[in-house]
Amino acid sequence: MKTRDLRKILKEKGCTQVHTVGSHEKWSAPGGHSTIVKAGAKEQAPGTLREIQKHLAPELGDKWLEEGQE
């Protein structure tokens, strides 16, 4: 998945970018759960996407990332 598409989905789900350190962005969901996005990459690796989905699942649901791609 392209990083810009992931950012778009995160914004649609109500997440906000909290801060950036180097090539990594910290994103926070409305309820306080957070995750790290590799901003320096044009594409996010499948394992990275699984970790991002897992970190935000308590708030957004187990399959929130797949639902955002539809």
Protein backbone atom coordinates (compact mmCIF):
# COMPACT_ATOMS: atom_id res chain seq x y z
CA MET A 1 0.00 0.00 0.00
CA LYS A 2 1.25 3.47 -0.82
CA THR A 3 2.08 5.65 2.17
CA ARG A 4 -0.15 8.47 0.90
CA ASP A 5 -3.11 6.04 0.73
CA LEU A 6 -2.44 4.89 4.29
CA ARG A 7 -2.36 8.51 5.49
CA LYS A 8 -5.69 9.14 3.74
CA ILE A 9 -7.30 6.12 5.45
CA LEU A 10 -5.92 7.16 8.84
CA LYS A 11 -7.39 10.65 8.42
CA GLU A 12 -10.75 9.21 7.34
CA LYS A 13 -10.79 7.12 10.53
CA GLY A 14 -10.25 10.24 12.64
CA CYS A 15 -6.55 9.74 13.36
CA THR A 16 -4.16 12.66 13.55
CA GLN A 17 -0.43 12.94 13.02
CA VAL A 18 1.09 13.75 16.40
CA HIS A 19 4.73 14.32 15.45
CA THR A 20 7.52 13.32 13.09
CA VAL A 21 11.00 12.11 14.01
CA GLY A 22 13.31 11.53 11.06
CA SER A 23 11.48 9.38 8.54
CA HIS A 24 8.83 8.15 11.00
CA GLU A 25 5.45 9.71 11.81
CA LYS A 26 3.50 9.01 14.98
CA TRP A 27 -0.26 8.84 14.45
CA SER A 28 -2.86 8.81 17.20
CA ALA A 29 -6.44 7.55 17.06
CA PRO A 30 -9.23 9.54 18.77
CA GLY A 31 -9.19 7.31 21.88
CA GLY A 32 -5.44 7.56 22.42
CA HIS A 33 -4.01 4.44 20.76
CA SER A 34 -1.06 5.26 18.55
CA THR A 35 1.17 3.79 15.87
CA ILE A 36 4.25 4.64 13.81
CA VAL A 37 4.21 5.07 10.01
CA LYS A 38 7.42 4.94 7.98
CA ALA A 39 6.98 8.27 6.23
CA GLY A 40 10.20 7.98 4.26
CA ALA A 41 8.90 4.95 2.34
CA LYS A 42 6.75 5.33 -0.79
CA GLU A 43 5.14 1.95 -0.05
CA GLN A 44 4.44 0.31 3.31
CA ALA A 45 5.56 -3.31 3.62
CA PRO A 46 2.87 -5.92 4.40
CA GLY A 47 4.38 -6.62 7.84
CA THR A 48 4.40 -2.92 8.67
CA LEU A 49 0.74 -2.63 7.67
CA ARG A 50 -0.15 -5.60 9.89
CA GLU A 51 1.57 -3.93 12.86
CA ILE A 52 -0.16 -0.60 12.22
CA GLN A 53 -3.53 -2.38 11.98
CA LYS A 54 -2.83 -4.32 15.18
CA HIS A 55 -1.85 -1.19 17.16
CA LEU A 56 -5.07 0.64 16.27
CA ALA A 57 -7.42 -2.38 16.32
CA PRO A 58 -8.66 -1.78 19.89
CA GLU A 59 -10.29 1.44 18.67
CA LEU A 60 -10.90 0.96 14.96
CA GLY A 61 -11.70 -2.78 14.85
CA ASP A 62 -9.71 -5.80 13.73
CA LYS A 63 -10.16 -5.27 9.98
CA TRP A 64 -10.22 -1.46 9.81
CA LEU A 65 -7.41 -1.27 7.27
CA GLU A 66 -9.01 -3.71 4.82
CA GLU A 67 -12.32 -1.87 5.16
CA GLY A 68 -10.58 1.41 4.32
CA GLN A 69 -9.24 0.00 1.04
CA GLU A 70 -12.69 -0.78 -0.38
